[in-house]
Amino acid sequence: QGAKMAVAKRTVELFYDVISPYSWFGFEVLCRYRSRWNLDLQFRPFYLAGVMGASGNKPPGLVPAKAMYMTRDLERLRDFYQ
């Protein structure tokens, strides 16, 4: 059978805010595949509201079109990763 090549360990930094559902998906996927992808995970909390405020961006809860898109997007992600 074919020999598997060793993959060098890679460091991945996950910048997350517990308010973000996308942070949760990122966390789950990276933890699920950590050993398969040979990852050294480093978790970096950040304040998403601060980034939003500094960039003049508004969160999905305040913009109906964003909220609708995010709802559909999260459903797609849920279905894909089940």
C-alpha atoms as a PDB file:
ATOM      1  CA  GLN A   1       0.000   0.000   0.000  1.00  0.00           C
ATOM      2  CA  GLY A   2       1.051   3.619  -0.486  1.00  0.00           C
ATOM      3  CA  ALA A   3       3.089   5.141   2.292  1.00  0.00           C
ATOM      4  CA  LYS A   4       1.651   8.188   3.988  1.00  0.00           C
ATOM      5  CA  MET A   5       3.826  11.245   3.974  1.00  0.00           C
ATOM      6  CA  ALA A   6       4.276  12.970   7.290  1.00  0.00           C
ATOM      7  CA  VAL A   7       2.791  16.431   7.316  1.00  0.00           C
ATOM      8  CA  ALA A   8       4.732  19.059   9.222  1.00  0.00           C
ATOM      9  CA  LYS A   9       2.883  20.405  12.231  1.00  0.00           C
ATOM     10  CA  ARG A  10       1.270  23.734  11.480  1.00  0.00           C
ATOM     11  CA  THR A  11       0.226  26.379  13.945  1.00  0.00           C
ATOM     12  CA  VAL A  12      -3.243  27.797  13.457  1.00  0.00           C
ATOM     13  CA  GLU A  13      -4.464  30.757  15.454  1.00  0.00           C
ATOM     14  CA  LEU A  14      -8.226  30.954  15.883  1.00  0.00           C
ATOM     15  CA  PHE A  15      -9.329  34.467  16.713  1.00  0.00           C
ATOM     16  CA  TYR A  16     -12.761  34.127  18.267  1.00  0.00           C
ATOM     17  CA  ASP A  17     -15.516  35.870  20.143  1.00  0.00           C
ATOM     18  CA  VAL A  18     -18.022  33.696  21.974  1.00  0.00           C
ATOM     19  CA  ILE A  19     -20.844  35.835  20.562  1.00  0.00           C
ATOM     20  CA  SER A  20     -20.011  34.745  17.014  1.00  0.00           C
ATOM     21  CA  PRO A  21     -21.585  31.537  15.687  1.00  0.00           C
ATOM     22  CA  TYR A  22     -18.847  31.478  13.033  1.00  0.00           C
ATOM     23  CA  SER A  23     -16.272  31.266  15.833  1.00  0.00           C
ATOM     24  CA  TRP A  24     -18.079  28.185  17.097  1.00  0.00           C
ATOM     25  CA  PHE A  25     -18.006  26.506  13.680  1.00  0.00           C
ATOM     26  CA  GLY A  26     -14.320  27.325  13.318  1.00  0.00           C
ATOM     27  CA  PHE A  27     -13.588  25.913  16.765  1.00  0.00           C
ATOM     28  CA  GLU A  28     -15.528  22.709  16.117  1.00  0.00           C
ATOM     29  CA  VAL A  29     -13.958  22.033  12.715  1.00  0.00           C
ATOM     30  CA  LEU A  30     -10.402  22.784  13.828  1.00  0.00           C
ATOM     31  CA  CYS A  31     -10.747  20.625  16.944  1.00  0.00           C
ATOM     32  CA  ARG A  32     -12.374  17.817  14.953  1.00  0.00           C
ATOM     33  CA  TYR A  33      -9.512  17.661  12.453  1.00  0.00           C
ATOM     34  CA  ARG A  34      -6.645  18.762  14.705  1.00  0.00           C
ATOM     35  CA  SER A  35      -4.852  15.420  14.679  1.00  0.00           C
ATOM     36  CA  ARG A  36      -5.637  14.557  11.051  1.00  0.00           C
ATOM     37  CA  TRP A  37      -4.317  17.922   9.848  1.00  0.00           C
ATOM     38  CA  ASN A  38      -1.473  17.872  12.425  1.00  0.00           C
ATOM     39  CA  LEU A  39      -2.395  21.243  13.905  1.00  0.00           C
ATOM     40  CA  ASP A  40      -1.119  23.119  16.907  1.00  0.00           C
ATOM     41  CA  LEU A  41      -4.160  25.243  17.770  1.00  0.00           C
ATOM     42  CA  GLN A  42      -3.773  28.548  19.516  1.00  0.00           C
ATOM     43  CA  PHE A  43      -6.931  30.285  20.659  1.00  0.00           C
ATOM     44  CA  ARG A  44      -6.985  34.077  20.614  1.00  0.00           C
ATOM     45  CA  PRO A  45     -10.038  35.783  22.069  1.00  0.00           C
ATOM     46  CA  PHE A  46     -10.979  39.151  20.659  1.00  0.00           C
ATOM     47  CA  TYR A  47     -13.814  41.618  21.109  1.00  0.00           C
ATOM     48  CA  LEU A  48     -15.969  41.497  17.976  1.00  0.00           C
ATOM     49  CA  ALA A  49     -18.092  44.481  19.022  1.00  0.00           C
ATOM     50  CA  GLY A  50     -14.907  46.545  19.254  1.00  0.00           C
ATOM     51  CA  VAL A  51     -13.896  45.549  15.730  1.00  0.00           C
ATOM     52  CA  MET A  52     -17.399  46.307  14.458  1.00  0.00           C
ATOM     53  CA  GLY A  53     -17.399  49.699  16.143  1.00  0.00           C
ATOM     54  CA  ALA A  54     -13.920  50.658  14.960  1.00  0.00           C
ATOM     55  CA  SER A  55     -14.720  49.693  11.373  1.00  0.00           C
ATOM     56  CA  GLY A  56     -18.161  51.320  11.300  1.00  0.00           C
ATOM     57  CA  ASN A  57     -19.735  47.940  10.619  1.00  0.00           C
ATOM     58  CA  LYS A  58     -23.076  46.887  12.108  1.00  0.00           C
ATOM     59  CA  PRO A  59     -23.806  43.406  13.450  1.00  0.00           C
ATOM     60  CA  PRO A  60     -26.400  41.181  11.753  1.00  0.00           C
ATOM     61  CA  GLY A  61     -28.921  41.792  14.536  1.00  0.00           C
ATOM     62  CA  LEU A  62     -29.144  45.435  13.474  1.00  0.00           C
ATOM     63  CA  VAL A  63     -29.309  44.898   9.706  1.00  0.00           C
ATOM     64  CA  PRO A  64     -32.261  42.758   8.567  1.00  0.00           C
ATOM     65  CA  ALA A  65     -30.639  41.646   5.280  1.00  0.00           C
ATOM     66  CA  LYS A  66     -27.520  40.518   7.148  1.00  0.00           C
ATOM     67  CA  ALA A  67     -29.644  38.670   9.696  1.00  0.00           C
ATOM     68  CA  MET A  68     -31.534  36.820   6.949  1.00  0.00           C
ATOM     69  CA  TYR A  69     -28.320  35.902   5.140  1.00  0.00           C
ATOM     70  CA  MET A  70     -26.593  34.759   8.329  1.00  0.00           C
ATOM     71  CA  THR A  71     -29.548  32.572   9.283  1.00  0.00           C
ATOM     72  CA  ARG A  72     -29.455  30.788   5.911  1.00  0.00           C
ATOM     73  CA  ASP A  73     -25.666  30.569   5.966  1.00  0.00           C
ATOM     74  CA  LEU A  74     -25.605  28.995   9.429  1.00  0.00           C
ATOM     75  CA  GLU A  75     -28.218  26.457   8.338  1.00  0.00           C
ATOM     76  CA  ARG A  76     -26.002  25.525   5.375  1.00  0.00           C
ATOM     77  CA  LEU A  77     -22.986  25.155   7.658  1.00  0.00           C
ATOM     78  CA  ARG A  78     -24.984  23.053  10.119  1.00  0.00           C
ATOM     79  CA  ASP A  79     -26.097  20.710   7.354  1.00  0.00           C
ATOM     80  CA  PHE A  80     -22.599  20.456   5.867  1.00  0.00           C
ATOM     81  CA  TYR A  81     -20.808  19.660   9.128  1.00  0.00           C
ATOM     82  CA  GLN A  82     -23.335  17.230  10.640  1.00  0.00           C
END
